Amino acid sequence: DRSGRIRAKKAVWLTWAKVVVACLP
């Protein structure tokens, strides 16, 4: 973030969650 602290990118985590779902079949 602007203060230099590490933060999680919610949108990217959601994308990877969707990738996991896409891999299930």
mmCIF file of all heavy atoms, coordinates in Angstrom:
data_MODEL
# 
_entry.id   MODEL 
# 
loop_
_atom_site.group_PDB 
_atom_site.id 
_atom_site.type_symbol 
_atom_site.label_atom_id 
_atom_site.label_alt_id 
_atom_site.label_comp_id 
_atom_site.label_asym_id 
_atom_site.label_entity_id 
_atom_site.label_seq_id 
_atom_site.pdbx_PDB_ins_code 
_atom_site.Cartn_x 
_atom_site.Cartn_y 
_atom_site.Cartn_z 
_atom_site.occupancy 
_atom_site.B_iso_or_equiv 
_atom_site.pdbx_formal_charge 
_atom_site.auth_seq_id 
_atom_site.auth_comp_id 
_atom_site.auth_asym_id 
_atom_site.auth_atom_id 
_atom_site.pdbx_PDB_model_num 
ATOM 1   N N   . ASP A 1 1  ? 0.842   -1.188  0.000   1.00 0.00 ? 1  ASP A N   1 
ATOM 2   C CA  . ASP A 1 1  ? 0.000   0.000   0.000   1.00 0.00 ? 1  ASP A CA  1 
ATOM 3   C C   . ASP A 1 1  ? 0.883   1.247   0.000   1.00 0.00 ? 1  ASP A C   1 
ATOM 4   O O   . ASP A 1 1  ? 2.110   1.163   -0.091  1.00 0.00 ? 1  ASP A O   1 
ATOM 5   C CB  . ASP A 1 1  ? -0.958  -0.004  1.196   1.00 0.00 ? 1  ASP A CB  1 
ATOM 6   C CG  . ASP A 1 1  ? -0.225  -0.091  2.532   1.00 0.00 ? 1  ASP A CG  1 
ATOM 7   O OD1 . ASP A 1 1  ? 0.969   0.296   2.587   1.00 0.00 ? 1  ASP A OD1 1 
ATOM 8   O OD2 . ASP A 1 1  ? -0.825  -0.528  3.525   1.00 0.00 ? 1  ASP A OD2 1 
ATOM 9   N N   . ARG A 1 2  ? 0.283   2.430   0.140   1.00 0.00 ? 2  ARG A N   1 
ATOM 10  C CA  . ARG A 1 2  ? 1.039   3.677   0.056   1.00 0.00 ? 2  ARG A CA  1 
ATOM 11  C C   . ARG A 1 2  ? 2.055   3.824   1.180   1.00 0.00 ? 2  ARG A C   1 
ATOM 12  O O   . ARG A 1 2  ? 3.060   4.525   1.033   1.00 0.00 ? 2  ARG A O   1 
ATOM 13  C CB  . ARG A 1 2  ? 0.073   4.859   0.066   1.00 0.00 ? 2  ARG A CB  1 
ATOM 14  C CG  . ARG A 1 2  ? -0.794  4.934   -1.188  1.00 0.00 ? 2  ARG A CG  1 
ATOM 15  C CD  . ARG A 1 2  ? -1.732  6.128   -1.128  1.00 0.00 ? 2  ARG A CD  1 
ATOM 16  N NE  . ARG A 1 2  ? -2.552  6.209   -2.346  1.00 0.00 ? 2  ARG A NE  1 
ATOM 17  C CZ  . ARG A 1 2  ? -3.475  7.136   -2.547  1.00 0.00 ? 2  ARG A CZ  1 
ATOM 18  N NH1 . ARG A 1 2  ? -3.712  8.064   -1.604  1.00 0.00 ? 2  ARG A NH1 1 
ATOM 19  N NH2 . ARG A 1 2  ? -4.176  7.145   -3.673  1.00 0.00 ? 2  ARG A NH2 1 
ATOM 20  N N   . SER A 1 3  ? 1.788   3.166   2.285   1.00 0.00 ? 3  SER A N   1 
ATOM 21  C CA  . SER A 1 3  ? 2.730   3.240   3.405   1.00 0.00 ? 3  SER A CA  1 
ATOM 22  C C   . SER A 1 3  ? 3.847   2.210   3.297   1.00 0.00 ? 3  SER A C   1 
ATOM 23  O O   . SER A 1 3  ? 4.735   2.171   4.155   1.00 0.00 ? 3  SER A O   1 
ATOM 24  C CB  . SER A 1 3  ? 1.978   3.043   4.728   1.00 0.00 ? 3  SER A CB  1 
ATOM 25  O OG  . SER A 1 3  ? 1.398   1.751   4.784   1.00 0.00 ? 3  SER A OG  1 
ATOM 26  N N   . GLY A 1 4  ? 3.789   1.367   2.255   1.00 0.00 ? 4  GLY A N   1 
ATOM 27  C CA  . GLY A 1 4  ? 4.830   0.369   2.053   1.00 0.00 ? 4  GLY A CA  1 
ATOM 28  C C   . GLY A 1 4  ? 4.549   -0.969  2.694   1.00 0.00 ? 4  GLY A C   1 
ATOM 29  O O   . GLY A 1 4  ? 5.356   -1.901  2.592   1.00 0.00 ? 4  GLY A O   1 
ATOM 30  N N   . ARG A 1 5  ? 3.414   -1.092  3.365   1.00 0.00 ? 5  ARG A N   1 
ATOM 31  C CA  . ARG A 1 5  ? 3.075   -2.362  4.001   1.00 0.00 ? 5  ARG A CA  1 
ATOM 32  C C   . ARG A 1 5  ? 2.547   -3.372  2.986   1.00 0.00 ? 5  ARG A C   1 
ATOM 33  O O   . ARG A 1 5  ? 1.834   -3.001  2.063   1.00 0.00 ? 5  ARG A O   1 
ATOM 34  C CB  . ARG A 1 5  ? 2.041   -2.142  5.102   1.00 0.00 ? 5  ARG A CB  1 
ATOM 35  C CG  . ARG A 1 5  ? 2.571   -1.372  6.318   1.00 0.00 ? 5  ARG A CG  1 
ATOM 36  C CD  . ARG A 1 5  ? 1.480   -1.132  7.343   1.00 0.00 ? 5  ARG A CD  1 
ATOM 37  N NE  . ARG A 1 5  ? 0.386   -0.338  6.786   1.00 0.00 ? 5  ARG A NE  1 
ATOM 38  C CZ  . ARG A 1 5  ? -0.664  0.056   7.485   1.00 0.00 ? 5  ARG A CZ  1 
ATOM 39  N NH1 . ARG A 1 5  ? -0.788  -0.303  8.766   1.00 0.00 ? 5  ARG A NH1 1 
ATOM 40  N NH2 . ARG A 1 5  ? -1.611  0.793   6.911   1.00 0.00 ? 5  ARG A NH2 1 
ATOM 41  N N   . ILE A 1 6  ? 2.880   -4.623  3.211   1.00 0.00 ? 6  ILE A N   1 
ATOM 42  C CA  . ILE A 1 6  ? 2.411   -5.691  2.315   1.00 0.00 ? 6  ILE A CA  1 
ATOM 43  C C   . ILE A 1 6  ? 0.920   -5.926  2.550   1.00 0.00 ? 6  ILE A C   1 
ATOM 44  O O   . ILE A 1 6  ? 0.468   -6.002  3.702   1.00 0.00 ? 6  ILE A O   1 
ATOM 45  C CB  . ILE A 1 6  ? 3.193   -6.996  2.561   1.00 0.00 ? 6  ILE A CB  1 
ATOM 46  C CG1 . ILE A 1 6  ? 4.669   -6.801  2.198   1.00 0.00 ? 6  ILE A CG1 1 
ATOM 47  C CG2 . ILE A 1 6  ? 2.597   -8.139  1.738   1.00 0.00 ? 6  ILE A CG2 1 
ATOM 48  C CD1 . ILE A 1 6  ? 5.525   -8.010  2.487   1.00 0.00 ? 6  ILE A CD1 1 
ATOM 49  N N   . ARG A 1 7  ? 0.185   -6.019  1.473   1.00 0.00 ? 7  ARG A N   1 
ATOM 50  C CA  . ARG A 1 7  ? -1.255  -6.276  1.575   1.00 0.00 ? 7  ARG A CA  1 
ATOM 51  C C   . ARG A 1 7  ? -1.658  -7.328  0.562   1.00 0.00 ? 7  ARG A C   1 
ATOM 52  O O   . ARG A 1 7  ? -0.975  -7.538  -0.450  1.00 0.00 ? 7  ARG A O   1 
ATOM 53  C CB  . ARG A 1 7  ? -2.032  -4.987  1.306   1.00 0.00 ? 7  ARG A CB  1 
ATOM 54  C CG  . ARG A 1 7  ? -1.817  -4.426  -0.091  1.00 0.00 ? 7  ARG A CG  1 
ATOM 55  C CD  . ARG A 1 7  ? -2.657  -3.194  -0.348  1.00 0.00 ? 7  ARG A CD  1 
ATOM 56  N NE  . ARG A 1 7  ? -2.424  -2.647  -1.675  1.00 0.00 ? 7  ARG A NE  1 
ATOM 57  C CZ  . ARG A 1 7  ? -3.008  -3.098  -2.780  1.00 0.00 ? 7  ARG A CZ  1 
ATOM 58  N NH1 . ARG A 1 7  ? -3.844  -4.118  -2.707  1.00 0.00 ? 7  ARG A NH1 1 
ATOM 59  N NH2 . ARG A 1 7  ? -2.756  -2.536  -3.952  1.00 0.00 ? 7  ARG A NH2 1 
ATOM 60  N N   . ALA A 1 8  ? -2.754  -7.999  0.838   1.00 0.00 ? 8  ALA A N   1 
ATOM 61  C CA  . ALA A 1 8  ? -3.281  -9.005  -0.085  1.00 0.00 ? 8  ALA A CA  1 
ATOM 62  C C   . ALA A 1 8  ? -4.138  -8.332  -1.148  1.00 0.00 ? 8  ALA A C   1 
ATOM 63  O O   . ALA A 1 8  ? -4.876  -7.381  -0.848  1.00 0.00 ? 8  ALA A O   1 
ATOM 64  C CB  . ALA A 1 8  ? -4.109  -10.035 0.676   1.00 0.00 ? 8  ALA A CB  1 
ATOM 65  N N   . LYS A 1 9  ? -4.020  -8.785  -2.376  1.00 0.00 ? 9  LYS A N   1 
ATOM 66  C CA  . LYS A 1 9  ? -4.842  -8.265  -3.461  1.00 0.00 ? 9  LYS A CA  1 
ATOM 67  C C   . LYS A 1 9  ? -6.086  -9.157  -3.578  1.00 0.00 ? 9  LYS A C   1 
ATOM 68  O O   . LYS A 1 9  ? -6.011  -10.280 -4.086  1.00 0.00 ? 9  LYS A O   1 
ATOM 69  C CB  . LYS A 1 9  ? -4.067  -8.274  -4.780  1.00 0.00 ? 9  LYS A CB  1 
ATOM 70  C CG  . LYS A 1 9  ? -2.834  -7.394  -4.788  1.00 0.00 ? 9  LYS A CG  1 
ATOM 71  C CD  . LYS A 1 9  ? -2.135  -7.519  -6.138  1.00 0.00 ? 9  LYS A CD  1 
ATOM 72  C CE  . LYS A 1 9  ? -0.855  -6.727  -6.202  1.00 0.00 ? 9  LYS A CE  1 
ATOM 73  N NZ  . LYS A 1 9  ? -0.147  -6.929  -7.502  1.00 0.00 ? 9  LYS A NZ  1 
ATOM 74  N N   . LYS A 1 10 ? -7.208  -8.648  -3.100  1.00 0.00 ? 10 LYS A N   1 
ATOM 75  C CA  . LYS A 1 10 ? -8.437  -9.446  -3.074  1.00 0.00 ? 10 LYS A CA  1 
ATOM 76  C C   . LYS A 1 10 ? -8.830  -9.933  -4.461  1.00 0.00 ? 10 LYS A C   1 
ATOM 77  O O   . LYS A 1 10 ? -9.219  -11.091 -4.639  1.00 0.00 ? 10 LYS A O   1 
ATOM 78  C CB  . LYS A 1 10 ? -9.570  -8.631  -2.468  1.00 0.00 ? 10 LYS A CB  1 
ATOM 79  C CG  . LYS A 1 10 ? -10.875 -9.397  -2.345  1.00 0.00 ? 10 LYS A CG  1 
ATOM 80  C CD  . LYS A 1 10 ? -11.963 -8.541  -1.721  1.00 0.00 ? 10 LYS A CD  1 
ATOM 81  C CE  . LYS A 1 10 ? -13.271 -9.309  -1.629  1.00 0.00 ? 10 LYS A CE  1 
ATOM 82  N NZ  . LYS A 1 10 ? -14.362 -8.469  -1.039  1.00 0.00 ? 10 LYS A NZ  1 
ATOM 83  N N   . ALA A 1 11 ? -8.718  -9.058  -5.466  1.00 0.00 ? 11 ALA A N   1 
ATOM 84  C CA  . ALA A 1 11 ? -9.132  -9.417  -6.821  1.00 0.00 ? 11 ALA A CA  1 
ATOM 85  C C   . ALA A 1 11 ? -8.284  -10.568 -7.368  1.00 0.00 ? 11 ALA A C   1 
ATOM 86  O O   . ALA A 1 11 ? -8.799  -11.471 -8.048  1.00 0.00 ? 11 ALA A O   1 
ATOM 87  C CB  . ALA A 1 11 ? -9.026  -8.204  -7.740  1.00 0.00 ? 11 ALA A CB  1 
ATOM 88  N N   . VAL A 1 12 ? -6.990  -10.560 -7.053  1.00 0.00 ? 12 VAL A N   1 
ATOM 89  C CA  . VAL A 1 12 ? -6.105  -11.619 -7.540  1.00 0.00 ? 12 VAL A CA  1 
ATOM 90  C C   . VAL A 1 12 ? -6.418  -12.938 -6.841  1.00 0.00 ? 12 VAL A C   1 
ATOM 91  O O   . VAL A 1 12 ? -6.437  -14.005 -7.464  1.00 0.00 ? 12 VAL A O   1 
ATOM 92  C CB  . VAL A 1 12 ? -4.629  -11.229 -7.345  1.00 0.00 ? 12 VAL A CB  1 
ATOM 93  C CG1 . VAL A 1 12 ? -3.709  -12.371 -7.790  1.00 0.00 ? 12 VAL A CG1 1 
ATOM 94  C CG2 . VAL A 1 12 ? -4.300  -9.964  -8.126  1.00 0.00 ? 12 VAL A CG2 1 
ATOM 95  N N   . TRP A 1 13 ? -6.671  -12.878 -5.533  1.00 0.00 ? 13 TRP A N   1 
ATOM 96  C CA  . TRP A 1 13 ? -7.047  -14.094 -4.810  1.00 0.00 ? 13 TRP A CA  1 
ATOM 97  C C   . TRP A 1 13 ? -8.343  -14.686 -5.374  1.00 0.00 ? 13 TRP A C   1 
ATOM 98  O O   . TRP A 1 13 ? -8.481  -15.915 -5.493  1.00 0.00 ? 13 TRP A O   1 
ATOM 99  C CB  . TRP A 1 13 ? -7.216  -13.793 -3.320  1.00 0.00 ? 13 TRP A CB  1 
ATOM 100 C CG  . TRP A 1 13 ? -5.920  -13.728 -2.567  1.00 0.00 ? 13 TRP A CG  1 
ATOM 101 C CD1 . TRP A 1 13 ? -5.316  -12.615 -2.058  1.00 0.00 ? 13 TRP A CD1 1 
ATOM 102 C CD2 . TRP A 1 13 ? -5.064  -14.831 -2.245  1.00 0.00 ? 13 TRP A CD2 1 
ATOM 103 N NE1 . TRP A 1 13 ? -4.135  -12.946 -1.448  1.00 0.00 ? 13 TRP A NE1 1 
ATOM 104 C CE2 . TRP A 1 13 ? -3.954  -14.305 -1.541  1.00 0.00 ? 13 TRP A CE2 1 
ATOM 105 C CE3 . TRP A 1 13 ? -5.117  -16.199 -2.480  1.00 0.00 ? 13 TRP A CE3 1 
ATOM 106 C CZ2 . TRP A 1 13 ? -2.910  -15.097 -1.079  1.00 0.00 ? 13 TRP A CZ2 1 
ATOM 107 C CZ3 . TRP A 1 13 ? -4.069  -17.006 -2.020  1.00 0.00 ? 13 TRP A CZ3 1 
ATOM 108 C CH2 . TRP A 1 13 ? -2.992  -16.461 -1.326  1.00 0.00 ? 13 TRP A CH2 1 
ATOM 109 N N   . LEU A 1 14 ? -9.290  -13.829 -5.717  1.00 0.00 ? 14 LEU A N   1 
ATOM 110 C CA  . LEU A 1 14 ? -10.532 -14.311 -6.322  1.00 0.00 ? 14 LEU A CA  1 
ATOM 111 C C   . LEU A 1 14 ? -10.276 -14.961 -7.681  1.00 0.00 ? 14 LEU A C   1 
ATOM 112 O O   . LEU A 1 14 ? -10.888 -15.978 -8.022  1.00 0.00 ? 14 LEU A O   1 
ATOM 113 C CB  . LEU A 1 14 ? -11.530 -13.155 -6.467  1.00 0.00 ? 14 LEU A CB  1 
ATOM 114 C CG  . LEU A 1 14 ? -12.279 -12.751 -5.203  1.00 0.00 ? 14 LEU A CG  1 
ATOM 115 C CD1 . LEU A 1 14 ? -13.106 -11.486 -5.460  1.00 0.00 ? 14 LEU A CD1 1 
ATOM 116 C CD2 . LEU A 1 14 ? -13.185 -13.884 -4.719  1.00 0.00 ? 14 LEU A CD2 1 
ATOM 117 N N   . THR A 1 15 ? -9.368  -14.365 -8.447  1.00 0.00 ? 15 THR A N   1 
ATOM 118 C CA  . THR A 1 15 ? -9.022  -14.950 -9.747  1.00 0.00 ? 15 THR A CA  1 
ATOM 119 C C   . THR A 1 15 ? -8.449  -16.352 -9.568  1.00 0.00 ? 15 THR A C   1 
ATOM 120 O O   . THR A 1 15 ? -8.834  -17.287 -10.277 1.00 0.00 ? 15 THR A O   1 
ATOM 121 C CB  . THR A 1 15 ? -8.009  -14.062 -10.486 1.00 0.00 ? 15 THR A CB  1 
ATOM 122 O OG1 . THR A 1 15 ? -8.618  -12.807 -10.799 1.00 0.00 ? 15 THR A OG1 1 
ATOM 123 C CG2 . THR A 1 15 ? -7.555  -14.730 -11.782 1.00 0.00 ? 15 THR A CG2 1 
ATOM 124 N N   . TRP A 1 16 ? -7.543  -16.505 -8.598  1.00 0.00 ? 16 TRP A N   1 
ATOM 125 C CA  . TRP A 1 16 ? -6.955  -17.828 -8.362  1.00 0.00 ? 16 TRP A CA  1 
ATOM 126 C C   . TRP A 1 16 ? -8.005  -18.811 -7.835  1.00 0.00 ? 16 TRP A C   1 
ATOM 127 O O   . TRP A 1 16 ? -7.946  -20.010 -8.156  1.00 0.00 ? 16 TRP A O   1 
ATOM 128 C CB  . TRP A 1 16 ? -5.785  -17.717 -7.388  1.00 0.00 ? 16 TRP A CB  1 
ATOM 129 C CG  . TRP A 1 16 ? -4.523  -17.262 -8.061  1.00 0.00 ? 16 TRP A CG  1 
ATOM 130 C CD1 . TRP A 1 16 ? -3.856  -16.093 -7.866  1.00 0.00 ? 16 TRP A CD1 1 
ATOM 131 C CD2 . TRP A 1 16 ? -3.792  -17.979 -9.065  1.00 0.00 ? 16 TRP A CD2 1 
ATOM 132 N NE1 . TRP A 1 16 ? -2.752  -16.027 -8.686  1.00 0.00 ? 16 TRP A NE1 1 
ATOM 133 C CE2 . TRP A 1 16 ? -2.684  -17.174 -9.427  1.00 0.00 ? 16 TRP A CE2 1 
ATOM 134 C CE3 . TRP A 1 16 ? -3.951  -19.204 -9.689  1.00 0.00 ? 16 TRP A CE3 1 
ATOM 135 C CZ2 . TRP A 1 16 ? -1.750  -17.551 -10.382 1.00 0.00 ? 16 TRP A CZ2 1 
ATOM 136 C CZ3 . TRP A 1 16 ? -3.021  -19.603 -10.656 1.00 0.00 ? 16 TRP A CZ3 1 
ATOM 137 C CH2 . TRP A 1 16 ? -1.944  -18.791 -10.989 1.00 0.00 ? 16 TRP A CH2 1 
ATOM 138 N N   . ALA A 1 17 ? -8.961  -18.322 -7.055  1.00 0.00 ? 17 ALA A N   1 
ATOM 139 C CA  . ALA A 1 17 ? -10.040 -19.201 -6.598  1.00 0.00 ? 17 ALA A CA  1 
ATOM 140 C C   . ALA A 1 17 ? -10.848 -19.711 -7.786  1.00 0.00 ? 17 ALA A C   1 
ATOM 141 O O   . ALA A 1 17 ? -11.246 -20.891 -7.848  1.00 0.00 ? 17 ALA A O   1 
ATOM 142 C CB  . ALA A 1 17 ? -10.944 -18.455 -5.614  1.00 0.00 ? 17 ALA A CB  1 
ATOM 143 N N   . LYS A 1 18 ? -11.075 -18.841 -8.770  1.00 0.00 ? 18 LYS A N   1 
ATOM 144 C CA  . LYS A 1 18 ? -11.805 -19.236 -9.974  1.00 0.00 ? 18 LYS A CA  1 
ATOM 145 C C   . LYS A 1 18 ? -10.975 -20.202 -10.822 1.00 0.00 ? 18 LYS A C   1 
ATOM 146 O O   . LYS A 1 18 ? -11.521 -21.111 -11.459 1.00 0.00 ? 18 LYS A O   1 
ATOM 147 C CB  . LYS A 1 18 ? -12.191 -17.997 -10.779 1.00 0.00 ? 18 LYS A CB  1 
ATOM 148 C CG  . LYS A 1 18 ? -13.213 -17.114 -10.072 1.00 0.00 ? 18 LYS A CG  1 
ATOM 149 C CD  . LYS A 1 18 ? -13.348 -15.749 -10.709 1.00 0.00 ? 18 LYS A CD  1 
ATOM 150 C CE  . LYS A 1 18 ? -14.224 -14.830 -9.864  1.00 0.00 ? 18 LYS A CE  1 
ATOM 151 N NZ  . LYS A 1 18 ? -14.281 -13.451 -10.410 1.00 0.00 ? 18 LYS A NZ  1 
ATOM 152 N N   . VAL A 1 19 ? -9.665  -20.024 -10.823 1.00 0.00 ? 19 VAL A N   1 
ATOM 153 C CA  . VAL A 1 19 ? -8.782  -20.954 -11.529 1.00 0.00 ? 19 VAL A CA  1 
ATOM 154 C C   . VAL A 1 19 ? -8.876  -22.341 -10.900 1.00 0.00 ? 19 VAL A C   1 
ATOM 155 O O   . VAL A 1 19 ? -8.930  -23.360 -11.614 1.00 0.00 ? 19 VAL A O   1 
ATOM 156 C CB  . VAL A 1 19 ? -7.324  -20.443 -11.502 1.00 0.00 ? 19 VAL A CB  1 
ATOM 157 C CG1 . VAL A 1 19 ? -6.360  -21.549 -11.949 1.00 0.00 ? 19 VAL A CG1 1 
ATOM 158 C CG2 . VAL A 1 19 ? -7.171  -19.226 -12.405 1.00 0.00 ? 19 VAL A CG2 1 
ATOM 159 N N   . VAL A 1 20 ? -8.909  -22.395 -9.571  1.00 0.00 ? 20 VAL A N   1 
ATOM 160 C CA  . VAL A 1 20 ? -9.060  -23.678 -8.871  1.00 0.00 ? 20 VAL A CA  1 
ATOM 161 C C   . VAL A 1 20 ? -10.364 -24.352 -9.277  1.00 0.00 ? 20 VAL A C   1 
ATOM 162 O O   . VAL A 1 20 ? -10.403 -25.558 -9.569  1.00 0.00 ? 20 VAL A O   1 
ATOM 163 C CB  . VAL A 1 20 ? -9.015  -23.481 -7.341  1.00 0.00 ? 20 VAL A CB  1 
ATOM 164 C CG1 . VAL A 1 20 ? -9.397  -24.777 -6.616  1.00 0.00 ? 20 VAL A CG1 1 
ATOM 165 C CG2 . VAL A 1 20 ? -7.625  -23.026 -6.904  1.00 0.00 ? 20 VAL A CG2 1 
ATOM 166 N N   . VAL A 1 21 ? -11.440 -23.587 -9.326  1.00 0.00 ? 21 VAL A N   1 
ATOM 167 C CA  . VAL A 1 21 ? -12.747 -24.131 -9.737  1.00 0.00 ? 21 VAL A CA  1 
ATOM 168 C C   . VAL A 1 21 ? -12.675 -24.637 -11.170 1.00 0.00 ? 21 VAL A C   1 
ATOM 169 O O   . VAL A 1 21 ? -13.214 -25.702 -11.497 1.00 0.00 ? 21 VAL A O   1 
ATOM 170 C CB  . VAL A 1 21 ? -13.844 -23.050 -9.602  1.00 0.00 ? 21 VAL A CB  1 
ATOM 171 C CG1 . VAL A 1 21 ? -15.146 -23.509 -10.271 1.00 0.00 ? 21 VAL A CG1 1 
ATOM 172 C CG2 . VAL A 1 21 ? -14.096 -22.735 -8.134  1.00 0.00 ? 21 VAL A CG2 1 
ATOM 173 N N   . ALA A 1 22 ? -11.991 -23.892 -12.044 1.00 0.00 ? 22 ALA A N   1 
ATOM 174 C CA  . ALA A 1 22 ? -11.865 -24.295 -13.442 1.00 0.00 ? 22 ALA A CA  1 
ATOM 175 C C   . ALA A 1 22 ? -11.049 -25.573 -13.594 1.00 0.00 ? 22 ALA A C   1 
ATOM 176 O O   . ALA A 1 22 ? -11.230 -26.315 -14.564 1.00 0.00 ? 22 ALA A O   1 
ATOM 177 C CB  . ALA A 1 22 ? -11.222 -23.170 -14.249 1.00 0.00 ? 22 ALA A CB  1 
ATOM 178 N N   . CYS A 1 23 ? -10.179 -25.840 -12.635 1.00 0.00 ? 23 CYS A N   1 
ATOM 179 C CA  . CYS A 1 23 ? -9.350  -27.046 -12.703 1.00 0.00 ? 23 CYS A CA  1 
ATOM 180 C C   . CYS A 1 23 ? -10.067 -28.303 -12.222 1.00 0.00 ? 23 CYS A C   1 
ATOM 181 O O   . CYS A 1 23 ? -9.611  -29.422 -12.480 1.00 0.00 ? 23 CYS A O   1 
ATOM 182 C CB  . CYS A 1 23 ? -8.074  -26.845 -11.879 1.00 0.00 ? 23 CYS A CB  1 
ATOM 183 S SG  . CYS A 1 23 ? -6.878  -25.699 -12.586 1.00 0.00 ? 23 CYS A SG  1 
ATOM 184 N N   . LEU A 1 24 ? -11.188 -28.139 -11.526 1.00 0.00 ? 24 LEU A N   1 
ATOM 185 C CA  . LEU A 1 24 ? -11.872 -29.286 -10.909 1.00 0.00 ? 24 LEU A CA  1 
ATOM 186 C C   . LEU A 1 24 ? -12.288 -30.371 -11.906 1.00 0.00 ? 24 LEU A C   1 
ATOM 187 O O   . LEU A 1 24 ? -12.151 -31.568 -11.611 1.00 0.00 ? 24 LEU A O   1 
ATOM 188 C CB  . LEU A 1 24 ? -13.089 -28.794 -10.119 1.00 0.00 ? 24 LEU A CB  1 
ATOM 189 C CG  . LEU A 1 24 ? -12.787 -27.959 -8.873  1.00 0.00 ? 24 LEU A CG  1 
ATOM 190 C CD1 . LEU A 1 24 ? -14.088 -27.516 -8.208  1.00 0.00 ? 24 LEU A CD1 1 
ATOM 191 C CD2 . LEU A 1 24 ? -11.927 -28.730 -7.887  1.00 0.00 ? 24 LEU A CD2 1 
ATOM 192 N N   . PRO A 1 25 ? -12.836 -30.032 -13.086 1.00 0.00 ? 25 PRO A N   1 
ATOM 193 C CA  . PRO A 1 25 ? -13.278 -31.108 -13.988 1.00 0.00 ? 25 PRO A CA  1 
ATOM 194 C C   . PRO A 1 25 ? -12.134 -31.927 -14.584 1.00 0.00 ? 25 PRO A C   1 
ATOM 195 O O   . PRO A 1 25 ? -12.335 -33.081 -14.962 1.00 0.00 ? 25 PRO A O   1 
ATOM 196 C CB  . PRO A 1 25 ? -14.014 -30.345 -15.112 1.00 0.00 ? 25 PRO A CB  1 
ATOM 197 C CG  . PRO A 1 25 ? -14.337 -29.011 -14.534 1.00 0.00 ? 25 PRO A CG  1 
ATOM 198 C CD  . PRO A 1 25 ? -13.217 -28.703 -13.597 1.00 0.00 ? 25 PRO A CD  1 
# 
